[in-house]
């Protein structure tokens, strides 16, 4: 008998470990375990999403003729860890072989590597070919690359796959359309609502379980509407391509009060669970260009997020190794402020972003990078605390995604391995891209004073205190020149303003950090 354990983010009917396996002599093991549910105090919607999707996928496998051994979190004899459940299942079914797809994070990969000794079975670990770039191919690219930059990786992938290519040249004559994709949302333009999926009986049962078992975890569950089946995920994909993709490019960087999803796809949860796979999502978007249903700048911007960024951060996570998550190039040590958990801040932009994170386990990439991440970096928060927070609060969060995005892109804690400069910005950027500043208690145009926008003084203070590490960056030369042209009095007042604001921040209460 062969045992095929499926992890909670491997919910794909075409998964490599299922392909070619004979249903008659294969048992599929799926297990909800406390170890995975609690290694960080996940947002309750994340827990509902994963468990509900697992239960629906198990039902689909049974309907397709598979023998499924499903272990629920509330089973009286649940052993609490994946390794213990796999060992027990191998014994229970008399398995002589275990076949698995490689796990997506270091911690679980180590568990897989110990299974042969723990079970006495032969163990086959297969590459996760739902990703477009095998890890060995990423390593070959990296070894030959002049620099470890997304843009270089993305162009290589475009050439390798032929996506949005016209022969050897990019479709439309340019590789990206960033300059066309930075528009604020105009007044009066109302994005169409993203589809939501009311919980069925299975999901409602999971909601009750999560509410009872994790009453103190961050986040609300009463607005849960994520896709939990492949059919729902495909419906969400088709709705996005038809209704929101055409304007996604123009407004992909926009911020707007009361507009939580704008023209974004909200497909990352389905992609990261395996309900959708990257190639079918890319193909659906590219087909819209051929049909004249979406402009090239929108489709290219969306494709870059998947073919480029998603594949790039996964490759970097594995290449950089477990030590990457501990990097702290700027020596930042401040604890996260309490409002990261409560959302109670007078800064309108952050109150919106964190409030919707609490309510929906979602914020789009600019909210994450240029509001939440930007503030944390300017304030000097520990990059590990920031990374853990992102892992806790978002429904699409997994270590392979969050560590490169936070440690490298958001906090510049890798010292520039990923990004050519820190993604730091003051109030002017937020005002240019959003309408948050109109109703904010702070004055976005003021750098000092009682009503001065905190982002302004924090921005200059960040540059000043990190000058020894950043002044040689060619992309920051003009910024430091501007700082140096300020009077000594203005510089002193700016840094005093930043220090006074930082002194008002209450650290978050203990208990939210990663449970090692």
Protein backbone atom coordinates (compact mmCIF):
# COMPACT_ATOMS: atom_id res chain seq x y z
CA UNK A 1 0.00 0.00 0.00
CA UNK A 2 1.20 3.49 -0.86
CA UNK A 3 0.45 6.47 1.38
CA UNK A 4 0.10 9.88 -0.28
CA UNK A 5 0.00 12.65 2.35
CA UNK A 6 -1.29 15.98 1.05
CA UNK A 7 -0.37 19.21 2.81
CA UNK A 8 -2.93 21.94 3.34
CA UNK A 9 -1.60 24.03 0.44
CA UNK A 10 -1.52 21.12 -2.02
CA UNK A 11 -5.20 21.06 -2.96
CA UNK A 12 -4.71 20.47 -6.68
CA UNK A 13 -6.32 17.54 -8.51
CA UNK A 14 -3.31 17.40 -10.83
CA UNK A 15 -0.77 17.28 -8.00
CA UNK A 16 2.35 15.30 -8.93
CA UNK A 17 1.92 12.78 -6.10
CA UNK A 18 -1.57 11.87 -7.36
CA UNK A 19 -0.66 11.62 -11.02
CA UNK A 20 -0.07 8.03 -12.06
CA UNK A 21 -1.03 6.62 -8.66
CA UNK A 22 -3.46 3.68 -8.70
CA UNK A 23 -6.54 4.34 -6.64
CA UNK A 24 -6.81 0.68 -5.68
CA UNK A 25 -3.57 0.58 -3.69
CA UNK A 26 -3.22 4.23 -2.62
CA UNK A 27 -4.47 5.97 0.51
CA UNK A 28 -4.53 9.76 0.50
CA UNK A 29 -3.89 11.23 3.94
CA UNK A 30 -5.07 14.72 4.86
CA UNK A 31 -4.74 16.02 8.41
CA UNK A 32 -5.76 19.12 10.28
CA UNK A 33 -3.25 19.39 13.12
CA UNK A 34 -2.69 21.77 15.99
CA UNK A 35 0.99 22.20 15.15
CA UNK A 36 0.18 23.81 11.81
CA UNK A 37 -2.78 25.75 13.16
CA UNK A 38 -0.79 27.31 15.97
CA UNK A 39 2.87 27.73 14.96
CA UNK A 40 1.81 31.35 14.57
CA UNK A 41 -1.53 32.66 15.86
CA UNK A 42 -3.09 32.78 12.39
CA UNK A 43 -5.93 35.11 11.48
CA UNK A 44 -9.08 33.14 12.07
CA UNK A 45 -10.16 33.55 8.44
CA UNK A 46 -6.89 31.91 7.36
CA UNK A 47 -7.66 28.90 9.56
CA UNK A 48 -11.22 28.69 8.25
CA UNK A 49 -9.99 29.01 4.67
CA UNK A 50 -7.42 26.22 4.90
CA UNK A 51 -9.54 23.74 6.88
CA UNK A 52 -12.68 24.35 4.81
CA UNK A 53 -10.75 24.03 1.54
CA UNK A 54 -9.13 20.82 2.79
CA UNK A 55 -12.48 19.29 3.72
CA UNK A 56 -14.03 20.20 0.38
CA UNK A 57 -11.02 18.85 -1.51
CA UNK A 58 -11.17 15.59 0.41
CA UNK A 59 -14.82 15.23 -0.63
CA UNK A 60 -13.87 15.87 -4.26
CA UNK A 61 -11.15 13.20 -4.07
CA UNK A 62 -13.59 10.65 -2.63
CA UNK A 63 -16.07 11.48 -5.39
CA UNK A 64 -13.26 10.80 -7.91
CA UNK A 65 -12.68 7.34 -6.43
CA UNK A 66 -9.77 7.97 -4.08
CA UNK A 67 -9.54 6.38 -0.64
CA UNK A 68 -9.06 9.33 1.71
CA UNK A 69 -8.02 9.10 5.34
CA UNK A 70 -9.05 12.50 6.70
CA UNK A 71 -8.02 13.55 10.20
CA UNK A 72 -9.97 16.44 11.70
CA UNK A 73 -8.60 18.84 14.27
CA UNK A 74 -11.32 17.84 16.72
CA UNK A 75 -10.87 14.07 16.35
CA UNK A 76 -10.31 12.68 19.87
CA UNK A 77 -7.16 10.84 18.84
CA UNK A 78 -5.69 13.62 16.68
CA UNK A 79 -1.93 13.45 17.24
CA UNK A 80 -1.30 17.15 16.82
CA UNK A 81 1.52 17.12 14.26
CA UNK A 82 1.82 16.17 10.61
CA UNK A 83 4.74 13.86 11.21
CA UNK A 84 2.87 11.97 13.94
CA UNK A 85 -0.22 11.66 11.75
CA UNK A 86 1.82 10.35 8.81
CA UNK A 87 3.63 7.82 11.00
CA UNK A 88 0.32 6.62 12.48
CA UNK A 89 -1.35 6.42 9.06
CA UNK A 90 1.54 4.42 7.60
CA UNK A 91 1.10 1.91 10.42
CA UNK A 92 -2.69 1.93 10.21
CA UNK A 93 -2.75 1.16 6.49
CA UNK A 94 0.30 -1.07 6.32
CA UNK A 95 2.05 1.32 3.95
CA UNK A 96 5.39 0.35 2.48
CA UNK A 97 5.89 3.52 0.46
CA UNK A 98 5.16 7.20 0.96
CA UNK A 99 4.85 9.59 -1.94
CA UNK A 100 4.69 13.35 -1.37
CA UNK A 101 5.15 16.62 -3.19
CA UNK A 102 7.88 18.76 -1.66
CA UNK A 103 6.66 21.08 1.06
CA UNK A 104 6.69 24.82 0.47
CA UNK A 105 8.69 25.84 3.55
CA UNK A 106 11.90 24.87 5.33
CA UNK A 107 10.24 23.59 8.50
CA UNK A 108 8.00 21.10 6.69
CA UNK A 109 10.71 20.09 4.23
CA UNK A 110 12.81 18.98 7.21
CA UNK A 111 9.87 16.92 8.46
CA UNK A 112 9.56 15.19 5.08
CA UNK A 113 13.24 14.32 5.06
CA UNK A 114 12.85 12.53 8.40
CA UNK A 115 9.91 10.35 7.32
CA UNK A 116 11.89 7.37 6.06
CA UNK A 117 13.54 6.86 9.43
CA UNK A 118 10.31 7.55 11.32
CA UNK A 119 8.11 5.16 9.29
CA UNK A 120 10.40 2.53 7.81
CA UNK A 121 8.82 3.23 4.41
CA UNK A 122 10.52 4.17 1.20
CA UNK A 123 9.85 7.89 0.74
CA UNK A 124 9.60 9.66 -2.61
CA UNK A 125 9.56 13.48 -2.55
CA UNK A 126 8.48 14.99 -5.87
CA UNK A 127 9.10 18.52 -7.18
CA UNK A 128 6.13 20.87 -6.96
CA UNK A 129 5.50 21.36 -10.66
CA UNK A 130 2.54 23.63 -10.08
CA UNK A 131 5.18 26.36 -10.08
CA UNK A 132 6.53 27.33 -13.48
CA UNK A 133 10.18 27.53 -12.46
CA UNK A 134 11.75 24.41 -10.93
CA UNK A 135 14.08 25.25 -8.07
CA UNK A 136 17.02 23.80 -10.00
CA UNK A 137 16.21 26.11 -12.93
CA UNK A 138 16.07 29.12 -10.61
CA UNK A 139 19.49 28.18 -9.25
CA UNK A 140 20.88 27.92 -12.80
CA UNK A 141 19.46 31.36 -13.63
CA UNK A 142 20.87 32.84 -10.44
CA UNK A 143 24.29 31.34 -11.05
CA UNK A 144 24.47 33.00 -14.44
CA UNK A 145 22.75 36.27 -13.56
CA UNK A 146 24.68 39.50 -13.11
CA UNK A 147 22.33 40.50 -10.27
CA UNK A 148 19.45 39.01 -8.32
CA UNK A 149 16.71 41.34 -9.58
CA UNK A 150 13.08 40.70 -10.37
CA UNK A 151 13.20 42.52 -13.69
CA UNK A 152 15.99 40.29 -15.00
CA UNK A 153 14.25 37.16 -13.77
CA UNK A 154 10.94 38.27 -15.29
CA UNK A 155 12.43 38.92 -18.71
CA UNK A 156 14.14 35.54 -18.60
CA UNK A 157 10.82 33.87 -17.79
CA UNK A 158 9.00 35.72 -20.55
CA UNK A 159 11.57 34.41 -23.03
CA UNK A 160 11.49 30.88 -21.55
CA UNK A 161 7.70 30.57 -21.59
CA UNK A 162 6.80 32.73 -24.58
CA UNK A 163 4.16 34.52 -22.50
CA UNK A 164 3.33 37.95 -23.96
CA UNK A 165 6.07 37.60 -26.52
CA UNK A 166 6.13 38.33 -30.26
CA UNK A 167 8.98 36.12 -31.35
CA UNK A 168 12.05 37.27 -29.43
CA UNK A 169 10.54 40.64 -28.51
CA UNK A 170 8.02 41.55 -25.82
CA UNK A 171 4.50 42.06 -27.06
CA UNK A 172 3.86 45.77 -27.48
CA UNK A 173 7.58 46.54 -27.72
CA UNK A 174 8.32 46.95 -24.01
CA UNK A 175 8.82 44.61 -21.08
CA UNK A 176 6.64 46.41 -18.57
CA UNK A 177 4.11 49.19 -18.45
CA UNK A 178 4.80 50.55 -14.98
CA UNK A 179 4.59 54.13 -16.18
CA UNK A 180 0.97 53.53 -17.27
CA UNK A 181 0.04 51.66 -14.08
CA UNK A 182 0.40 54.34 -11.41
CA UNK A 183 -2.85 56.26 -11.56
CA UNK A 184 -4.87 57.25 -8.50
CA UNK A 185 -8.51 56.22 -8.53
CA UNK A 186 -10.57 59.08 -10.03
CA UNK A 187 -13.49 60.42 -8.07
CA UNK A 188 -16.71 58.79 -9.16
CA UNK A 189 -15.12 55.61 -10.54
CA UNK A 190 -16.63 52.68 -8.66
CA UNK A 191 -14.81 49.33 -9.03
CA UNK A 192 -17.07 46.30 -9.42
CA UNK A 193 -17.41 44.16 -6.29
CA UNK A 194 -15.25 41.10 -6.00
CA UNK A 195 -17.19 37.85 -5.81
CA UNK A 196 -17.83 36.46 -2.34
CA UNK A 197 -18.86 32.91 -1.52
CA UNK A 198 -21.26 32.47 1.40
CA UNK A 199 -20.19 29.63 3.69
CA UNK A 200 -21.94 26.33 3.07
CA UNK A 201 -22.61 23.72 5.77
CA UNK A 202 -19.04 22.39 5.66
CA UNK A 203 -17.50 25.83 5.99
CA UNK A 204 -19.96 26.84 8.72
CA UNK A 205 -18.88 23.79 10.70
CA UNK A 206 -15.26 24.90 10.34
CA UNK A 207 -16.14 28.44 11.41
CA UNK A 208 -17.71 27.05 14.58
CA UNK A 209 -14.60 24.92 15.22
CA UNK A 210 -12.18 27.81 14.71
CA UNK A 211 -14.28 30.19 16.81
CA UNK A 212 -14.31 27.70 19.68
CA UNK A 213 -10.66 26.59 19.47
CA UNK A 214 -9.04 29.94 18.68
CA UNK A 215 -11.19 32.56 20.41
CA UNK A 216 -8.33 35.01 20.98
CA UNK A 217 -6.71 34.89 17.54
CA UNK A 218 -6.62 38.05 15.48
CA UNK A 219 -9.37 38.73 12.97
CA UNK A 220 -13.08 38.49 12.38
CA UNK A 221 -14.79 35.49 10.80
CA UNK A 222 -18.33 36.76 10.32
CA UNK A 223 -17.49 38.20 6.86
CA UNK A 224 -15.80 35.08 5.52
CA UNK A 225 -16.30 34.72 1.77
CA UNK A 226 -13.11 33.24 0.31
CA UNK A 227 -13.27 30.51 -2.36
CA UNK A 228 -12.88 27.11 -0.72
CA UNK A 229 -13.42 24.86 -3.75
CA UNK A 230 -11.85 24.67 -7.18
CA UNK A 231 -15.19 25.51 -8.77
CA UNK A 232 -15.44 28.67 -6.71
CA UNK A 233 -11.84 29.60 -7.49
CA UNK A 234 -12.43 29.18 -11.22
CA UNK A 235 -15.54 31.35 -10.95
CA UNK A 236 -13.48 34.02 -9.17
CA UNK A 237 -10.85 33.85 -11.92
CA UNK A 238 -13.40 34.23 -14.70
CA UNK A 239 -15.11 37.13 -12.91
CA UNK A 240 -11.78 38.90 -12.46
CA UNK A 241 -10.79 38.57 -16.11
CA UNK A 242 -14.19 39.77 -17.31
CA UNK A 243 -14.91 42.54 -14.81
CA UNK A 244 -11.74 43.91 -13.16
CA UNK A 245 -8.71 42.97 -15.23
CA UNK A 246 -9.39 45.63 -17.93
CA UNK A 247 -8.71 48.42 -15.43
CA UNK A 248 -6.34 46.54 -13.13
CA UNK A 249 -3.24 47.98 -14.76
CA UNK A 250 -4.21 51.64 -14.52
CA UNK A 251 -5.13 51.48 -10.84
CA UNK A 252 -3.05 48.61 -9.46
CA UNK A 253 -1.10 51.03 -7.22
CA UNK A 254 -4.08 53.14 -6.18
CA UNK A 255 -5.36 53.55 -2.62
CA UNK A 256 -8.88 54.66 -1.79
CA UNK A 257 -10.92 54.92 1.39
CA UNK A 258 -13.76 52.40 1.44
CA UNK A 259 -12.43 50.54 -1.61
CA UNK A 260 -10.87 47.43 -0.17
CA UNK A 261 -10.36 45.43 -3.38
CA UNK A 262 -10.35 48.03 -6.18
CA UNK A 263 -9.55 46.10 -9.40
CA UNK A 264 -7.34 43.46 -7.75
CA UNK A 265 -7.89 39.76 -8.44
CA UNK A 266 -8.03 38.31 -4.89
CA UNK A 267 -6.77 35.06 -6.43
CA UNK A 268 -3.65 34.68 -4.29
CA UNK A 269 -5.45 32.59 -1.66
CA UNK A 270 -6.61 30.13 -4.33
CA UNK A 271 -3.19 30.04 -6.00
CA UNK A 272 -1.35 29.48 -2.72
CA UNK A 273 -3.74 26.70 -1.66
CA UNK A 274 -3.54 25.01 -5.05
CA UNK A 275 -7.18 25.48 -6.03
CA UNK A 276 -5.78 27.31 -9.06
CA UNK A 277 -2.40 26.82 -10.70
CA UNK A 278 -0.23 29.57 -12.08
CA UNK A 279 -0.30 28.60 -15.73
CA UNK A 280 -4.09 28.53 -16.03
CA UNK A 281 -4.36 31.94 -14.36
CA UNK A 282 -1.74 33.43 -16.68
CA UNK A 283 -3.39 31.87 -19.74
CA UNK A 284 -6.79 33.27 -18.74
CA UNK A 285 -5.35 36.77 -18.47
CA UNK A 286 -3.33 36.55 -21.70
CA UNK A 287 -6.40 35.33 -23.60
CA UNK A 288 -8.09 38.62 -22.72
CA UNK A 289 -5.46 40.49 -24.75
CA UNK A 290 -6.02 38.28 -27.77
CA UNK A 291 -9.77 38.73 -27.50
CA UNK A 292 -9.49 42.49 -27.12
CA UNK A 293 -11.15 42.26 -23.70
CA UNK A 294 -8.31 43.85 -21.71
CA UNK A 295 -5.47 46.24 -22.62
CA UNK A 296 -1.88 45.05 -22.67
CA UNK A 297 -0.78 47.25 -19.77
CA UNK A 298 -3.36 45.59 -17.50
CA UNK A 299 -2.54 42.05 -18.54
CA UNK A 300 1.22 42.57 -18.41
CA UNK A 301 0.97 44.09 -14.92
CA UNK A 302 -1.04 41.12 -13.71
CA UNK A 303 1.16 38.52 -15.41
CA UNK A 304 4.24 40.12 -13.85
CA UNK A 305 2.81 39.48 -10.39
CA UNK A 306 2.57 35.73 -11.07
CA UNK A 307 5.12 34.80 -13.72
CA UNK A 308 7.53 37.34 -12.31
CA UNK A 309 7.10 38.14 -8.66
CA UNK A 310 5.47 34.96 -7.32
CA UNK A 311 7.98 32.66 -8.98
CA UNK A 312 10.87 34.96 -8.10
CA UNK A 313 10.19 35.14 -4.35
CA UNK A 314 9.69 31.38 -4.17
CA UNK A 315 13.03 30.76 -5.83
CA UNK A 316 14.77 33.31 -3.65
CA UNK A 317 13.27 31.79 -0.48
CA UNK A 318 14.81 28.41 -1.26
CA UNK A 319 18.09 29.76 -2.58
CA UNK A 320 18.67 32.07 0.42
CA UNK A 321 17.90 29.37 3.00
CA UNK A 322 16.49 29.51 6.53
CA UNK A 323 18.97 32.18 7.61
CA UNK A 324 17.36 34.76 5.32
CA UNK A 325 14.49 35.37 7.71
CA UNK A 326 16.89 36.51 10.43
CA UNK A 327 18.59 39.25 8.37
CA UNK A 328 18.48 42.76 9.80
CA UNK A 329 20.77 44.97 7.74
CA UNK A 330 19.51 48.21 9.31
CA UNK A 331 19.65 46.93 12.88
CA UNK A 332 15.98 47.71 13.52
CA UNK A 333 14.69 46.50 16.90
CA UNK A 334 11.55 48.46 17.81
CA UNK A 335 8.58 46.25 18.74
CA UNK A 336 5.46 46.56 16.64
CA UNK A 337 3.09 49.23 17.90
CA UNK A 338 -0.17 48.12 19.46
CA UNK A 339 -2.26 49.61 16.63
CA UNK A 340 -0.99 46.91 14.28
CA UNK A 341 -3.41 44.64 16.16
CA UNK A 342 -6.16 47.07 17.11
CA UNK A 343 -6.23 49.32 14.05
CA UNK A 344 -6.72 52.24 16.41
CA UNK A 345 -4.60 55.03 14.98
CA UNK A 346 -5.33 58.58 13.84
CA UNK A 347 -3.45 57.93 10.60
CA UNK A 348 -6.35 57.34 8.23
CA UNK A 349 -4.40 55.30 5.70
CA UNK A 350 -3.13 52.82 8.29
CA UNK A 351 -6.46 52.65 10.10
CA UNK A 352 -8.07 51.62 6.81
CA UNK A 353 -5.41 49.09 5.83
CA UNK A 354 -5.20 47.41 9.22
CA UNK A 355 -8.95 47.56 9.77
CA UNK A 356 -9.66 45.71 6.54
CA UNK A 357 -6.87 43.27 7.36
CA UNK A 358 -8.67 42.49 10.61
CA UNK A 359 -12.04 42.15 8.88
CA UNK A 360 -11.01 40.29 5.71
CA UNK A 361 -7.46 38.93 6.19
CA UNK A 362 -6.63 40.90 3.06
CA UNK A 363 -4.92 44.08 1.91
CA UNK A 364 -3.57 44.68 -1.57
CA UNK A 365 0.13 44.93 -2.34
CA UNK A 366 0.46 48.72 -2.09
CA UNK A 367 -1.29 48.76 1.27
CA UNK A 368 1.12 46.09 2.46
CA UNK A 369 4.27 47.65 0.96
CA UNK A 370 3.80 51.42 0.99
CA UNK A 371 1.51 51.87 4.00
CA UNK A 372 2.05 49.12 6.56
CA UNK A 373 5.53 47.98 5.57
CA UNK A 374 6.74 51.50 4.87
CA UNK A 375 5.59 52.73 8.29
CA UNK A 376 7.23 49.78 10.06
CA UNK A 377 10.54 50.39 8.31
CA UNK A 378 10.48 54.15 8.90
CA UNK A 379 9.69 53.54 12.58
CA UNK A 380 12.59 51.10 12.91
CA UNK A 381 10.47 48.06 13.79
CA UNK A 382 12.15 44.68 13.99
CA UNK A 383 11.93 43.07 10.53
CA UNK A 384 11.33 39.69 12.17
CA UNK A 385 8.37 41.13 14.09
CA UNK A 386 7.03 42.64 10.87
CA UNK A 387 7.50 39.38 8.96
CA UNK A 388 5.74 37.40 11.68
CA UNK A 389 2.87 39.89 11.67
CA UNK A 390 2.37 39.53 7.92
CA UNK A 391 2.46 35.75 8.27
CA UNK A 392 -0.22 35.92 10.97
CA UNK A 393 -2.71 38.34 9.49
CA UNK A 394 -3.13 37.53 5.77
CA UNK A 395 -5.12 34.67 4.31
CA UNK A 396 -2.62 34.16 1.48
CA UNK A 397 0.44 34.18 3.74
CA UNK A 398 3.00 31.37 3.75
CA UNK A 399 6.67 31.66 4.76
CA UNK A 400 7.97 31.28 1.20
CA UNK A 401 5.90 34.32 0.21
CA UNK A 402 6.23 36.49 3.28
CA UNK A 403 9.92 36.24 4.14
CA UNK A 404 11.29 37.58 0.83
CA UNK A 405 8.48 40.12 0.49
CA UNK A 406 8.92 41.48 4.01
CA UNK A 407 12.60 40.91 4.86
CA UNK A 408 13.82 41.90 1.40
CA UNK A 409 11.29 44.09 -0.36
CA UNK A 410 9.39 45.79 2.45
CA UNK A 411 12.00 46.21 5.22
CA UNK A 412 15.27 46.19 3.21
CA UNK A 413 16.62 43.91 5.93
CA UNK A 414 18.67 41.94 3.39
CA UNK A 415 20.74 45.03 2.63
CA UNK A 416 19.65 45.32 -0.99
CA UNK A 417 19.81 41.74 -2.20
CA UNK A 418 16.33 42.11 -3.72
CA UNK A 419 15.63 45.84 -3.98
CA UNK A 420 17.90 48.55 -5.34
CA UNK A 421 16.79 50.92 -2.55
CA UNK A 422 14.48 50.87 0.46
CA UNK A 423 10.81 51.30 -0.39
CA UNK A 424 10.50 54.35 1.82
CA UNK A 425 8.06 57.17 1.24
CA UNK A 426 6.61 60.14 3.06
CA UNK A 427 3.14 61.58 3.12
CA UNK A 428 3.46 63.03 -0.37
CA UNK A 429 3.45 59.55 -1.94
CA UNK A 430 0.35 58.53 0.01
CA UNK A 431 -1.42 61.77 -0.90
CA UNK A 432 -0.55 61.33 -4.58
CA UNK A 433 -1.87 57.76 -4.77
CA UNK A 434 -4.86 57.95 -2.41
CA UNK A 435 -7.69 59.99 -0.98
CA UNK A 436 -6.87 59.03 2.63
CA UNK A 437 -5.24 62.36 3.45
CA UNK A 438 -8.43 64.35 2.81
CA UNK A 439 -10.15 62.97 5.88
CA UNK A 440 -7.10 62.39 8.07
CA UNK A 441 -6.51 64.01 11.46
CA UNK A 442 -2.99 64.87 10.28
CA UNK A 443 -1.84 67.44 7.73
CA UNK A 444 0.00 65.65 4.96
CA UNK A 445 1.81 68.84 3.93
CA UNK A 446 3.32 69.47 7.36
CA UNK A 447 6.62 67.99 8.51
CA UNK A 448 6.63 69.40 12.03
CA UNK A 449 3.93 70.58 14.38
CA UNK A 450 1.04 69.08 16.30
CA UNK A 451 -0.89 68.00 13.18
CA UNK A 452 2.08 67.06 11.01
CA UNK A 453 1.71 63.76 9.13
CA UNK A 454 3.94 61.25 10.97
CA UNK A 455 5.17 59.77 7.68
CA UNK A 456 6.96 63.02 6.84
CA UNK A 457 9.25 63.34 9.84
CA UNK A 458 9.70 59.57 10.06
CA UNK A 459 10.85 59.47 6.43
CA UNK A 460 13.63 61.99 6.97
CA UNK A 461 14.56 60.54 10.35
CA UNK A 462 14.88 57.08 8.75
CA UNK A 463 17.27 58.44 6.15
CA UNK A 464 19.27 60.41 8.70
CA UNK A 465 19.78 57.59 11.19
CA UNK A 466 20.67 55.10 8.45
CA UNK A 467 22.91 57.44 6.49
CA UNK A 468 26.07 55.40 7.02
CA UNK A 469 24.43 52.41 5.33
CA UNK A 470 22.37 54.19 2.66
CA UNK A 471 24.18 57.36 1.57
CA UNK A 472 26.26 55.51 -1.02
CA UNK A 473 23.16 54.23 -2.81
CA UNK A 474 23.04 56.07 -6.16
CA UNK A 475 19.23 56.12 -6.10
CA UNK A 476 19.30 58.09 -2.85
CA UNK A 477 21.91 60.72 -3.71
CA UNK A 478 19.37 63.39 -4.61
CA UNK A 479 17.31 62.63 -1.51
CA UNK A 480 20.30 63.09 0.77
CA UNK A 481 21.20 66.24 -1.14
CA UNK A 482 17.72 67.60 -0.33
CA UNK A 483 18.21 66.72 3.35
CA UNK A 484 21.59 68.43 3.41
CA UNK A 485 20.14 71.62 1.90
CA UNK A 486 17.71 71.95 4.81
CA UNK A 487 18.84 74.28 7.56
CA UNK A 488 20.36 72.75 10.68
CA UNK A 489 17.34 74.00 12.62
CA UNK A 490 14.93 72.29 10.22
CA UNK A 491 16.81 69.01 10.41
CA UNK A 492 16.88 69.13 14.20
CA UNK A 493 13.18 69.94 14.40
CA UNK A 494 12.33 67.13 11.98
CA UNK A 495 14.21 64.52 13.96
CA UNK A 496 12.72 65.81 17.20
CA UNK A 497 9.26 65.52 15.66
CA UNK A 498 9.96 61.91 14.71
CA UNK A 499 11.29 61.06 18.17
CA UNK A 500 8.28 62.64 19.86
CA UNK A 501 5.89 60.64 17.70
CA UNK A 502 7.75 57.37 18.23
CA UNK A 503 7.63 57.94 21.99
CA UNK A 504 3.81 57.88 21.80
CA UNK A 505 3.70 54.39 20.29
CA UNK A 506 2.59 51.69 22.70
CA UNK A 507 4.20 48.30 22.03
CA UNK A 508 1.88 45.44 21.19
CA UNK A 509 0.92 43.22 24.08
CA UNK A 510 2.93 40.00 24.47
CA UNK A 511 1.63 36.82 22.92
CA UNK A 512 1.51 37.58 19.20
CA UNK A 513 5.02 36.47 18.32
CA UNK A 514 5.91 33.26 16.53
CA UNK A 515 5.61 30.18 18.73
CA UNK A 516 9.02 28.54 18.19
